[in-house]
Amino acid sequence: MIKAMHYDSQAHTFQSVTNLEEISDLLEDKKNQVWLDLDGPDKEHMHILAEEFKFHPLAVEDALTFHQRPKIEEYENFFFVVFYTARINEKKDELRLCELKMFVGSNYLVTVHHEELSELKDAEQRWRRNVETVEHGIGVLLYSLLDTVVDNYFPIVDELVDQAEEMEDAIFQGMAGQRNFTEDLLGLKKLFLRMRRVAGPERDVLNVLTNRDSPVFNETNLVYFRDVYDHLMRLSDTLDLYRDQISSAMDANLAVVSNDLNKVMRTLTATSIILMSDALVSGIYGMNFDNIPELHLPYGYFGALALMLGVSVGLYFFFKKLRWF
């Protein structure tokens, strides 16, 4: 599906473009701004657009390739940007990332994606509302889109942070060592790593947009991009902090499990010593010799049982004092 709209600088209005052949005429007037959105384009559509906008073949190839790292590439008259939107499912255990490719020229923005993205609708509404800033150029539209994408990261990260703190508290509430708990802890760490692998390179993208001289954007646009860069910096710091906290929680979980295992081993050791003492008594009185003292005692059996009971009780209280039980 292809959707096109443009901002008429003379009438100060937003209009839809039904005939894509008009785009070339609209782009000739540098005061016009054109946004072309492509949902699931094929190679034929992309090659037609490449001729219309004079895109570099390598950029077109990247736009049709999946699972790319977030990046920005500068060509002669446009930028090619790869960004990611993020979703988390209802069970809050799976993070879904969707690629968003963008061609950014001096007065146009072409977005390419293969899933329906709510961020595009939000960015369009922001673009239409902020008519007074549209005159600053296409950078305002790009800022609206990138800022919307980044702002949607924060509820996801906040949810992950809440899960991390809850699981950290649960370690000392008897949950440590349970198989499901350990798997959930490892799964949460993977979610933090996935978000970090996205936010880190995207921060580099904004760093390029804010610090490099380019004919595409003016100084006014750079101020907006610095705002998005600050958001990504704060997001990256949060992800780094809680990623380290999850690692510490995993170490604490392992320490608690090891401590519990040591307690079990002490209990088993104490029990073994008690049983060994009983076995010693029963072994001595079970030797098959005629001239053994106390062999013909009428109450020798009961005396041996009493001795074993006394030794067991004495050792129990001894190990109890040592906190082995």
C-alpha atoms as a PDB file:
ATOM      1  CA  MET A   1       0.000   0.000   0.000  1.00  0.00           C
ATOM      2  CA  ILE A   2       1.277   3.457  -0.910  1.00  0.00           C
ATOM      3  CA  LYS A   3       0.223   6.657   0.808  1.00  0.00           C
ATOM      4  CA  ALA A   4       1.452  10.090  -0.243  1.00  0.00           C
ATOM      5  CA  MET A   5       0.827  13.584   1.085  1.00  0.00           C
ATOM      6  CA  HIS A   6       2.492  16.952   0.818  1.00  0.00           C
ATOM      7  CA  TYR A   7       2.569  20.329   2.493  1.00  0.00           C
ATOM      8  CA  ASP A   8       1.721  23.221   0.204  1.00  0.00           C
ATOM      9  CA  SER A   9       3.923  26.114   1.306  1.00  0.00           C
ATOM     10  CA  GLN A  10       1.792  28.701  -0.507  1.00  0.00           C
ATOM     11  CA  ALA A  11      -1.612  27.599   0.765  1.00  0.00           C
ATOM     12  CA  HIS A  12      -0.178  26.381   4.090  1.00  0.00           C
ATOM     13  CA  THR A  13      -2.279  23.236   3.857  1.00  0.00           C
ATOM     14  CA  PHE A  14      -1.705  19.481   3.810  1.00  0.00           C
ATOM     15  CA  GLN A  15      -2.966  17.591   0.774  1.00  0.00           C
ATOM     16  CA  SER A  16      -3.018  13.964  -0.289  1.00  0.00           C
ATOM     17  CA  VAL A  17      -1.293  12.928  -3.499  1.00  0.00           C
ATOM     18  CA  THR A  18      -3.295  10.475  -5.576  1.00  0.00           C
ATOM     19  CA  ASN A  19      -1.167  10.510  -8.701  1.00  0.00           C
ATOM     20  CA  LEU A  20       2.413   9.519  -7.913  1.00  0.00           C
ATOM     21  CA  GLU A  21       3.587  11.035 -11.191  1.00  0.00           C
ATOM     22  CA  GLU A  22       2.892  14.458  -9.660  1.00  0.00           C
ATOM     23  CA  ILE A  23       5.616  13.932  -7.059  1.00  0.00           C
ATOM     24  CA  SER A  24       8.379  15.035  -9.429  1.00  0.00           C
ATOM     25  CA  ASP A  25       6.593  18.311 -10.083  1.00  0.00           C
ATOM     26  CA  LEU A  26       6.008  18.854  -6.361  1.00  0.00           C
ATOM     27  CA  LEU A  27       9.646  18.230  -5.506  1.00  0.00           C
ATOM     28  CA  GLU A  28      10.825  20.859  -7.969  1.00  0.00           C
ATOM     29  CA  ASP A  29       9.497  23.528  -5.611  1.00  0.00           C
ATOM     30  CA  LYS A  30      11.868  23.266  -2.642  1.00  0.00           C
ATOM     31  CA  LYS A  31       9.287  24.886  -0.397  1.00  0.00           C
ATOM     32  CA  ASN A  32       6.936  21.930  -0.828  1.00  0.00           C
ATOM     33  CA  GLN A  33       7.384  18.963   1.485  1.00  0.00           C
ATOM     34  CA  VAL A  34       6.402  15.456   0.407  1.00  0.00           C
ATOM     35  CA  TRP A  35       5.888  12.366   2.559  1.00  0.00           C
ATOM     36  CA  LEU A  36       5.565   9.036   0.785  1.00  0.00           C
ATOM     37  CA  ASP A  37       4.787   5.961   2.890  1.00  0.00           C
ATOM     38  CA  LEU A  38       5.171   2.441   1.475  1.00  0.00           C
ATOM     39  CA  ASP A  39       3.742  -0.547   3.329  1.00  0.00           C
ATOM     40  CA  GLY A  40       5.226  -3.824   2.020  1.00  0.00           C
ATOM     41  CA  PRO A  41       6.626  -2.598  -1.327  1.00  0.00           C
ATOM     42  CA  ASP A  42       8.091  -5.027  -3.829  1.00  0.00           C
ATOM     43  CA  LYS A  43      11.180  -4.602  -5.999  1.00  0.00           C
ATOM     44  CA  GLU A  44       9.201  -3.119  -8.869  1.00  0.00           C
ATOM     45  CA  HIS A  45       7.776  -0.323  -6.700  1.00  0.00           C
ATOM     46  CA  MET A  46      11.152   0.423  -5.199  1.00  0.00           C
ATOM     47  CA  HIS A  47      12.895   0.664  -8.568  1.00  0.00           C
ATOM     48  CA  ILE A  48      10.190   3.028  -9.828  1.00  0.00           C
ATOM     49  CA  LEU A  49      10.708   5.230  -6.783  1.00  0.00           C
ATOM     50  CA  ALA A  50      14.460   5.021  -7.224  1.00  0.00           C
ATOM     51  CA  GLU A  51      14.094   6.552 -10.674  1.00  0.00           C
ATOM     52  CA  GLU A  52      11.616   9.132  -9.426  1.00  0.00           C
ATOM     53  CA  PHE A  53      13.732  10.274  -6.454  1.00  0.00           C
ATOM     54  CA  LYS A  54      17.131   9.315  -7.900  1.00  0.00           C
ATOM     55  CA  PHE A  55      17.983   6.958  -5.050  1.00  0.00           C
ATOM     56  CA  HIS A  56      21.294   5.130  -5.017  1.00  0.00           C
ATOM     57  CA  PRO A  57      20.991   1.386  -5.902  1.00  0.00           C
ATOM     58  CA  LEU A  58      22.722   0.364  -2.665  1.00  0.00           C
ATOM     59  CA  ALA A  59      20.163   2.292  -0.611  1.00  0.00           C
ATOM     60  CA  VAL A  60      17.325   0.650  -2.532  1.00  0.00           C
ATOM     61  CA  GLU A  61      18.858  -2.768  -1.903  1.00  0.00           C
ATOM     62  CA  ASP A  62      19.104  -2.022   1.821  1.00  0.00           C
ATOM     63  CA  ALA A  63      15.473  -0.918   1.868  1.00  0.00           C
ATOM     64  CA  LEU A  64      14.426  -4.364   0.610  1.00  0.00           C
ATOM     65  CA  THR A  65      16.714  -6.281   2.988  1.00  0.00           C
ATOM     66  CA  PHE A  66      15.483  -7.402   6.401  1.00  0.00           C
ATOM     67  CA  HIS A  67      17.212  -7.665   9.805  1.00  0.00           C
ATOM     68  CA  GLN A  68      19.597  -4.763   9.376  1.00  0.00           C
ATOM     69  CA  ARG A  69      21.348  -2.962  12.149  1.00  0.00           C
ATOM     70  CA  PRO A  70      20.034   0.565  12.943  1.00  0.00           C
ATOM     71  CA  LYS A  71      22.202   2.903  10.900  1.00  0.00           C
ATOM     72  CA  ILE A  72      22.440   6.063   8.842  1.00  0.00           C
ATOM     73  CA  GLU A  73      24.157   6.394   5.495  1.00  0.00           C
ATOM     74  CA  GLU A  74      24.788   9.693   3.744  1.00  0.00           C
ATOM     75  CA  TYR A  75      24.553   9.885  -0.033  1.00  0.00           C
ATOM     76  CA  GLU A  76      24.970  12.817  -2.373  1.00  0.00           C
ATOM     77  CA  ASN A  77      21.518  14.343  -1.901  1.00  0.00           C
ATOM     78  CA  PHE A  78      19.770  12.269   0.782  1.00  0.00           C
ATOM     79  CA  PHE A  79      20.142  10.223   3.959  1.00  0.00           C
ATOM     80  CA  PHE A  80      19.171   6.576   4.293  1.00  0.00           C
ATOM     81  CA  VAL A  81      18.139   5.705   7.850  1.00  0.00           C
ATOM     82  CA  VAL A  82      17.203   2.383   9.471  1.00  0.00           C
ATOM     83  CA  PHE A  83      15.247   2.608  12.715  1.00  0.00           C
ATOM     84  CA  TYR A  84      13.207   0.123  14.756  1.00  0.00           C
ATOM     85  CA  THR A  85       9.801   0.305  16.397  1.00  0.00           C
ATOM     86  CA  ALA A  86       9.171  -1.892  19.446  1.00  0.00           C
ATOM     87  CA  ARG A  87       6.190  -3.791  20.851  1.00  0.00           C
ATOM     88  CA  ILE A  88       5.854  -6.081  23.867  1.00  0.00           C
ATOM     89  CA  ASN A  89       3.166  -8.774  23.999  1.00  0.00           C
ATOM     90  CA  GLU A  90       0.468  -9.095  26.655  1.00  0.00           C
ATOM     91  CA  LYS A  91       2.435 -11.733  28.555  1.00  0.00           C
ATOM     92  CA  LYS A  92       5.326  -9.243  28.686  1.00  0.00           C
ATOM     93  CA  ASP A  93       7.853 -11.917  27.814  1.00  0.00           C
ATOM     94  CA  GLU A  94       8.425 -11.245  24.108  1.00  0.00           C
ATOM     95  CA  LEU A  95       9.692  -8.123  22.376  1.00  0.00           C
ATOM     96  CA  ARG A  96       8.675  -7.551  18.773  1.00  0.00           C
ATOM     97  CA  LEU A  97      10.834  -5.232  16.669  1.00  0.00           C
ATOM     98  CA  CYS A  98       9.855  -3.879  13.267  1.00  0.00           C
ATOM     99  CA  GLU A  99      12.237  -2.251  10.795  1.00  0.00           C
ATOM    100  CA  LEU A 100      11.486   1.216   9.492  1.00  0.00           C
ATOM    101  CA  LYS A 101      13.600   2.411   6.562  1.00  0.00           C
ATOM    102  CA  MET A 102      13.652   6.103   5.626  1.00  0.00           C
ATOM    103  CA  PHE A 103      14.944   8.094   2.673  1.00  0.00           C
ATOM    104  CA  VAL A 104      15.354  11.711   3.748  1.00  0.00           C
ATOM    105  CA  GLY A 105      15.959  14.475   1.256  1.00  0.00           C
ATOM    106  CA  SER A 106      15.906  18.256   1.478  1.00  0.00           C
ATOM    107  CA  ASN A 107      12.118  18.400   1.006  1.00  0.00           C
ATOM    108  CA  TYR A 108      10.879  14.801   1.089  1.00  0.00           C
ATOM    109  CA  LEU A 109      10.628  11.767   3.365  1.00  0.00           C
ATOM    110  CA  VAL A 110      10.041   8.235   2.062  1.00  0.00           C
ATOM    111  CA  THR A 111       9.245   5.589   4.686  1.00  0.00           C
ATOM    112  CA  VAL A 112       9.376   1.870   3.955  1.00  0.00           C
ATOM    113  CA  HIS A 113       8.038  -0.856   6.264  1.00  0.00           C
ATOM    114  CA  HIS A 114       6.345  -4.264   6.069  1.00  0.00           C
ATOM    115  CA  GLU A 115       3.982  -4.021   9.041  1.00  0.00           C
ATOM    116  CA  GLU A 116       1.328  -1.544  10.076  1.00  0.00           C
ATOM    117  CA  LEU A 117       2.924   0.967  12.444  1.00  0.00           C
ATOM    118  CA  SER A 118       0.895   3.189  14.752  1.00  0.00           C
ATOM    119  CA  GLU A 119       3.909   5.506  15.077  1.00  0.00           C
ATOM    120  CA  LEU A 120       3.371   6.698  11.513  1.00  0.00           C
ATOM    121  CA  LYS A 121      -0.176   7.807  12.283  1.00  0.00           C
ATOM    122  CA  ASP A 122       0.959   9.606  15.424  1.00  0.00           C
ATOM    123  CA  ALA A 123       3.757  11.327  13.534  1.00  0.00           C
ATOM    124  CA  GLU A 124       1.325  12.441  10.833  1.00  0.00           C
ATOM    125  CA  GLN A 125      -0.975  13.979  13.447  1.00  0.00           C
ATOM    126  CA  ARG A 126       1.936  15.810  15.060  1.00  0.00           C
ATOM    127  CA  TRP A 127       3.084  17.068  11.656  1.00  0.00           C
ATOM    128  CA  ARG A 128      -0.376  18.395  10.851  1.00  0.00           C
ATOM    129  CA  ARG A 129      -0.786  20.057  14.246  1.00  0.00           C
ATOM    130  CA  ASN A 130       2.564  21.866  14.226  1.00  0.00           C
ATOM    131  CA  VAL A 131       1.937  23.973  11.147  1.00  0.00           C
ATOM    132  CA  GLU A 132       4.016  26.849  12.531  1.00  0.00           C
ATOM    133  CA  THR A 133       7.156  24.654  12.610  1.00  0.00           C
ATOM    134  CA  VAL A 134       6.647  22.937   9.254  1.00  0.00           C
ATOM    135  CA  GLU A 135       8.260  25.892   7.526  1.00  0.00           C
ATOM    136  CA  HIS A 136      11.587  24.810   9.066  1.00  0.00           C
ATOM    137  CA  GLY A 137      11.816  21.975   6.560  1.00  0.00           C
ATOM    138  CA  ILE A 138      11.399  18.222   6.263  1.00  0.00           C
ATOM    139  CA  GLY A 139      13.535  17.778   9.374  1.00  0.00           C
ATOM    140  CA  VAL A 140      10.478  18.608  11.501  1.00  0.00           C
ATOM    141  CA  LEU A 141       8.601  15.646  10.017  1.00  0.00           C
ATOM    142  CA  LEU A 142      11.577  13.365  10.542  1.00  0.00           C
ATOM    143  CA  TYR A 143      11.864  14.612  14.127  1.00  0.00           C
ATOM    144  CA  SER A 144       8.153  13.942  14.742  1.00  0.00           C
ATOM    145  CA  LEU A 145       8.543  10.388  13.490  1.00  0.00           C
ATOM    146  CA  LEU A 146      11.763   9.573  15.340  1.00  0.00           C
ATOM    147  CA  ASP A 147      10.557  11.203  18.553  1.00  0.00           C
ATOM    148  CA  THR A 148       7.318   9.194  18.421  1.00  0.00           C
ATOM    149  CA  VAL A 149       9.253   5.957  17.918  1.00  0.00           C
ATOM    150  CA  VAL A 150      11.642   6.700  20.792  1.00  0.00           C
ATOM    151  CA  ASP A 151       8.863   7.869  23.136  1.00  0.00           C
ATOM    152  CA  ASN A 152       7.138   4.512  22.636  1.00  0.00           C
ATOM    153  CA  TYR A 153      10.273   2.791  23.967  1.00  0.00           C
ATOM    154  CA  PHE A 154       9.848   4.245  27.443  1.00  0.00           C
ATOM    155  CA  PRO A 155       6.655   2.388  28.502  1.00  0.00           C
ATOM    156  CA  ILE A 156       8.317  -0.854  27.391  1.00  0.00           C
ATOM    157  CA  VAL A 157      11.495  -0.138  29.334  1.00  0.00           C
ATOM    158  CA  ASP A 158       9.460   0.941  32.387  1.00  0.00           C
ATOM    159  CA  GLU A 159       7.635  -2.386  32.273  1.00  0.00           C
ATOM    160  CA  LEU A 160      10.915  -4.277  32.057  1.00  0.00           C
ATOM    161  CA  VAL A 161      12.314  -2.258  34.950  1.00  0.00           C
ATOM    162  CA  ASP A 162       9.276  -3.127  37.107  1.00  0.00           C
ATOM    163  CA  GLN A 163       9.741  -6.803  36.290  1.00  0.00           C
ATOM    164  CA  ALA A 164      13.436  -6.604  37.167  1.00  0.00           C
ATOM    165  CA  GLU A 165      12.760  -5.043  40.561  1.00  0.00           C
ATOM    166  CA  GLU A 166       9.996  -7.546  41.357  1.00  0.00           C
ATOM    167  CA  MET A 167      12.219 -10.498  40.470  1.00  0.00           C
ATOM    168  CA  GLU A 168      15.083  -9.070  42.474  1.00  0.00           C
ATOM    169  CA  ASP A 169      12.834  -8.888  45.558  1.00  0.00           C
ATOM    170  CA  ALA A 170      11.549 -12.415  44.898  1.00  0.00           C
ATOM    171  CA  ILE A 171      15.066 -13.879  45.120  1.00  0.00           C
ATOM    172  CA  PHE A 172      15.045 -13.508  48.911  1.00  0.00           C
ATOM    173  CA  GLN A 173      11.425 -14.609  49.255  1.00  0.00           C
ATOM    174  CA  GLY A 174      11.937 -18.279  48.496  1.00  0.00           C
ATOM    175  CA  MET A 175      11.786 -18.076  44.679  1.00  0.00           C
ATOM    176  CA  ALA A 176      15.524 -18.576  44.115  1.00  0.00           C
ATOM    177  CA  GLY A 177      16.463 -21.911  42.648  1.00  0.00           C
ATOM    178  CA  GLN A 178      13.085 -22.626  41.099  1.00  0.00           C
ATOM    179  CA  ARG A 179      13.439 -23.603  37.467  1.00  0.00           C
ATOM    180  CA  ASN A 180      10.752 -21.256  36.112  1.00  0.00           C
ATOM    181  CA  PHE A 181      12.154 -18.350  38.112  1.00  0.00           C
ATOM    182  CA  THR A 182      15.660 -18.842  36.751  1.00  0.00           C
ATOM    183  CA  GLU A 183      14.320 -19.105  33.183  1.00  0.00           C
ATOM    184  CA  ASP A 184      12.236 -15.940  33.639  1.00  0.00           C
ATOM    185  CA  LEU A 185      15.267 -14.101  34.980  1.00  0.00           C
ATOM    186  CA  LEU A 186      17.348 -15.133  31.985  1.00  0.00           C
ATOM    187  CA  GLY A 187      14.506 -14.229  29.594  1.00  0.00           C
ATOM    188  CA  LEU A 188      14.228 -10.761  31.132  1.00  0.00           C
ATOM    189  CA  LYS A 189      17.942 -10.222  30.655  1.00  0.00           C
ATOM    190  CA  LYS A 190      17.570 -11.125  26.967  1.00  0.00           C
ATOM    191  CA  LEU A 191      14.808  -8.517  26.589  1.00  0.00           C
ATOM    192  CA  PHE A 192      17.082  -5.843  28.041  1.00  0.00           C
ATOM    193  CA  LEU A 193      19.857  -6.919  25.668  1.00  0.00           C
ATOM    194  CA  ARG A 194      17.528  -6.755  22.631  1.00  0.00           C
ATOM    195  CA  MET A 195      16.440  -3.242  23.537  1.00  0.00           C
ATOM    196  CA  ARG A 196      20.063  -2.240  24.130  1.00  0.00           C
ATOM    197  CA  ARG A 197      21.108  -3.584  20.715  1.00  0.00           C
ATOM    198  CA  VAL A 198      18.506  -1.277  19.164  1.00  0.00           C
ATOM    199  CA  ALA A 199      18.933   1.834  21.298  1.00  0.00           C
ATOM    200  CA  GLY A 200      22.741   1.888  21.096  1.00  0.00           C
ATOM    201  CA  PRO A 201      23.071   2.130  17.304  1.00  0.00           C
ATOM    202  CA  GLU A 202      20.080   4.479  17.094  1.00  0.00           C
ATOM    203  CA  ARG A 203      21.888   6.823  19.432  1.00  0.00           C
ATOM    204  CA  ASP A 204      24.750   6.841  16.920  1.00  0.00           C
ATOM    205  CA  VAL A 205      22.249   7.695  14.182  1.00  0.00           C
ATOM    206  CA  LEU A 206      21.056  10.761  16.094  1.00  0.00           C
ATOM    207  CA  ASN A 207      24.638  11.672  16.846  1.00  0.00           C
ATOM    208  CA  VAL A 208      25.285  11.886  13.103  1.00  0.00           C
ATOM    209  CA  LEU A 209      22.155  13.950  12.509  1.00  0.00           C
ATOM    210  CA  THR A 210      23.052  16.442  15.243  1.00  0.00           C
ATOM    211  CA  ASN A 211      26.770  16.866  14.637  1.00  0.00           C
ATOM    212  CA  ARG A 212      27.378  16.590  10.917  1.00  0.00           C
ATOM    213  CA  ASP A 213      27.011  19.481   8.495  1.00  0.00           C
ATOM    214  CA  SER A 214      24.553  18.511   5.786  1.00  0.00           C
ATOM    215  CA  PRO A 215      22.676  20.323   3.025  1.00  0.00           C
ATOM    216  CA  VAL A 216      19.560  18.318   3.959  1.00  0.00           C
ATOM    217  CA  PHE A 217      18.968  19.938   7.375  1.00  0.00           C
ATOM    218  CA  ASN A 218      19.469  23.424   8.732  1.00  0.00           C
ATOM    219  CA  GLU A 219      20.509  24.490  12.217  1.00  0.00           C
ATOM    220  CA  THR A 220      16.893  24.754  13.344  1.00  0.00           C
ATOM    221  CA  ASN A 221      16.334  21.067  12.587  1.00  0.00           C
ATOM    222  CA  LEU A 222      19.396  20.051  14.577  1.00  0.00           C
ATOM    223  CA  VAL A 223      17.840  21.419  17.754  1.00  0.00           C
ATOM    224  CA  TYR A 224      14.947  18.965  17.382  1.00  0.00           C
ATOM    225  CA  PHE A 225      17.279  16.034  16.722  1.00  0.00           C
ATOM    226  CA  ARG A 226      19.258  16.840  19.875  1.00  0.00           C
ATOM    227  CA  ASP A 227      16.037  16.386  21.837  1.00  0.00           C
ATOM    228  CA  VAL A 228      15.622  12.857  20.455  1.00  0.00           C
ATOM    229  CA  TYR A 229      19.299  12.193  21.100  1.00  0.00           C
ATOM    230  CA  ASP A 230      18.862  13.165  24.760  1.00  0.00           C
ATOM    231  CA  HIS A 231      15.921  10.754  25.049  1.00  0.00           C
ATOM    232  CA  LEU A 232      17.975   7.922  23.598  1.00  0.00           C
ATOM    233  CA  MET A 233      20.881   8.723  25.908  1.00  0.00           C
ATOM    234  CA  ARG A 234      18.598   8.477  28.932  1.00  0.00           C
ATOM    235  CA  LEU A 235      17.070   5.272  27.599  1.00  0.00           C
ATOM    236  CA  SER A 236      20.490   3.710  26.962  1.00  0.00           C
ATOM    237  CA  ASP A 237      21.676   4.614  30.454  1.00  0.00           C
ATOM    238  CA  THR A 238      18.589   2.993  31.966  1.00  0.00           C
ATOM    239  CA  LEU A 239      19.077  -0.155  29.900  1.00  0.00           C
ATOM    240  CA  ASP A 240      22.748  -0.374  30.879  1.00  0.00           C
ATOM    241  CA  LEU A 241      21.917   0.147  34.552  1.00  0.00           C
ATOM    242  CA  TYR A 242      19.233  -2.522  34.736  1.00  0.00           C
ATOM    243  CA  ARG A 243      21.121  -4.921  32.519  1.00  0.00           C
ATOM    244  CA  ASP A 244      23.902  -4.837  35.110  1.00  0.00           C
ATOM    245  CA  GLN A 245      21.300  -5.122  37.864  1.00  0.00           C
ATOM    246  CA  ILE A 246      19.840  -8.248  36.241  1.00  0.00           C
ATOM    247  CA  SER A 247      23.341  -9.734  36.063  1.00  0.00           C
ATOM    248  CA  SER A 248      23.779  -8.966  39.764  1.00  0.00           C
ATOM    249  CA  ALA A 249      20.391 -10.542  40.458  1.00  0.00           C
ATOM    250  CA  MET A 250      21.452 -13.691  38.626  1.00  0.00           C
ATOM    251  CA  ASP A 251      24.623 -13.816  40.736  1.00  0.00           C
ATOM    252  CA  ALA A 252      22.535 -13.317  43.881  1.00  0.00           C
ATOM    253  CA  ASN A 253      20.177 -16.068  42.744  1.00  0.00           C
ATOM    254  CA  LEU A 254      23.131 -18.406  42.268  1.00  0.00           C
ATOM    255  CA  ALA A 255      24.542 -17.440  45.678  1.00  0.00           C
ATOM    256  CA  VAL A 256      21.217 -18.130  47.404  1.00  0.00           C
ATOM    257  CA  VAL A 257      20.928 -21.495  45.651  1.00  0.00           C
ATOM    258  CA  SER A 258      24.497 -22.374  46.662  1.00  0.00           C
ATOM    259  CA  ASN A 259      23.803 -21.328  50.246  1.00  0.00           C
ATOM    260  CA  ASP A 260      20.687 -23.500  50.353  1.00  0.00           C
ATOM    261  CA  LEU A 261      22.683 -26.378  48.949  1.00  0.00           C
ATOM    262  CA  ASN A 262      25.309 -25.916  51.658  1.00  0.00           C
ATOM    263  CA  LYS A 263      22.563 -26.073  54.288  1.00  0.00           C
ATOM    264  CA  VAL A 264      21.295 -29.325  52.807  1.00  0.00           C
ATOM    265  CA  MET A 265      24.790 -30.760  52.719  1.00  0.00           C
ATOM    266  CA  ARG A 266      25.357 -29.832  56.373  1.00  0.00           C
ATOM    267  CA  THR A 267      22.088 -31.486  57.358  1.00  0.00           C
ATOM    268  CA  LEU A 268      22.967 -34.621  55.417  1.00  0.00           C
ATOM    269  CA  THR A 269      26.446 -34.682  56.942  1.00  0.00           C
ATOM    270  CA  ALA A 270      25.075 -34.359  60.486  1.00  0.00           C
ATOM    271  CA  THR A 271      22.501 -37.078  59.812  1.00  0.00           C
ATOM    272  CA  SER A 272      25.224 -39.354  58.457  1.00  0.00           C
ATOM    273  CA  ILE A 273      27.363 -38.840  61.556  1.00  0.00           C
ATOM    274  CA  ILE A 274      24.421 -39.725  63.825  1.00  0.00           C
ATOM    275  CA  LEU A 275      23.675 -42.868  61.836  1.00  0.00           C
ATOM    276  CA  MET A 276      27.348 -43.795  61.822  1.00  0.00           C
ATOM    277  CA  SER A 277      27.386 -43.579  65.643  1.00  0.00           C
ATOM    278  CA  ASP A 278      24.351 -45.842  65.868  1.00  0.00           C
ATOM    279  CA  ALA A 279      25.951 -48.231  63.416  1.00  0.00           C
ATOM    280  CA  LEU A 280      29.099 -48.295  65.547  1.00  0.00           C
ATOM    281  CA  VAL A 281      27.152 -49.313  68.653  1.00  0.00           C
ATOM    282  CA  SER A 282      25.105 -51.907  66.823  1.00  0.00           C
ATOM    283  CA  GLY A 283      28.222 -53.211  65.095  1.00  0.00           C
ATOM    284  CA  ILE A 284      30.094 -53.679  68.370  1.00  0.00           C
ATOM    285  CA  TYR A 285      27.226 -55.580  69.968  1.00  0.00           C
ATOM    286  CA  GLY A 286      26.644 -57.609  66.875  1.00  0.00           C
ATOM    287  CA  MET A 287      30.061 -59.336  66.819  1.00  0.00           C
ATOM    288  CA  ASN A 288      29.773 -63.145  66.857  1.00  0.00           C
ATOM    289  CA  PHE A 289      32.193 -64.221  69.642  1.00  0.00           C
ATOM    290  CA  ASP A 290      31.407 -66.344  72.740  1.00  0.00           C
ATOM    291  CA  ASN A 291      33.712 -64.564  75.176  1.00  0.00           C
ATOM    292  CA  ILE A 292      32.407 -61.058  74.583  1.00  0.00           C
ATOM    293  CA  PRO A 293      31.767 -59.153  77.817  1.00  0.00           C
ATOM    294  CA  GLU A 294      28.124 -58.346  78.450  1.00  0.00           C
ATOM    295  CA  LEU A 295      27.118 -61.065  75.955  1.00  0.00           C
ATOM    296  CA  HIS A 296      24.664 -62.730  78.319  1.00  0.00           C
ATOM    297  CA  LEU A 297      23.174 -59.619  79.892  1.00  0.00           C
ATOM    298  CA  PRO A 298      19.389 -60.091  80.081  1.00  0.00           C
ATOM    299  CA  TYR A 299      18.704 -56.456  79.252  1.00  0.00           C
ATOM    300  CA  GLY A 300      21.667 -55.898  76.931  1.00  0.00           C
ATOM    301  CA  TYR A 301      19.461 -55.382  73.843  1.00  0.00           C
ATOM    302  CA  PHE A 302      17.470 -52.647  75.516  1.00  0.00           C
ATOM    303  CA  GLY A 303      20.662 -51.148  76.899  1.00  0.00           C
ATOM    304  CA  ALA A 304      22.153 -51.000  73.377  1.00  0.00           C
ATOM    305  CA  LEU A 305      18.994 -49.305  72.065  1.00  0.00           C
ATOM    306  CA  ALA A 306      19.108 -46.797  74.904  1.00  0.00           C
ATOM    307  CA  LEU A 307      22.773 -46.098  74.192  1.00  0.00           C
ATOM    308  CA  MET A 308      22.083 -45.528  70.485  1.00  0.00           C
ATOM    309  CA  LEU A 309      19.165 -43.263  71.353  1.00  0.00           C
ATOM    310  CA  GLY A 310      21.269 -41.297  73.807  1.00  0.00           C
ATOM    311  CA  VAL A 311      24.117 -40.877  71.311  1.00  0.00           C
ATOM    312  CA  SER A 312      21.683 -39.781  68.567  1.00  0.00           C
ATOM    313  CA  VAL A 313      19.932 -37.236  70.777  1.00  0.00           C
ATOM    314  CA  GLY A 314      23.245 -35.904  72.069  1.00  0.00           C
ATOM    315  CA  LEU A 315      24.652 -35.473  68.547  1.00  0.00           C
ATOM    316  CA  TYR A 316      21.406 -33.886  67.356  1.00  0.00           C
ATOM    317  CA  PHE A 317      21.567 -31.146  69.983  1.00  0.00           C
ATOM    318  CA  PHE A 318      25.288 -30.728  69.345  1.00  0.00           C
ATOM    319  CA  PHE A 319      24.722 -30.095  65.609  1.00  0.00           C
ATOM    320  CA  LYS A 320      21.673 -28.009  66.410  1.00  0.00           C
ATOM    321  CA  LYS A 321      23.907 -25.717  68.434  1.00  0.00           C
ATOM    322  CA  LEU A 322      26.241 -25.497  65.455  1.00  0.00           C
ATOM    323  CA  ARG A 323      23.184 -24.586  63.277  1.00  0.00           C
ATOM    324  CA  TRP A 324      23.639 -27.551  61.020  1.00  0.00           C
ATOM    325  CA  PHE A 325      19.937 -28.277  61.345  1.00  0.00           C
END
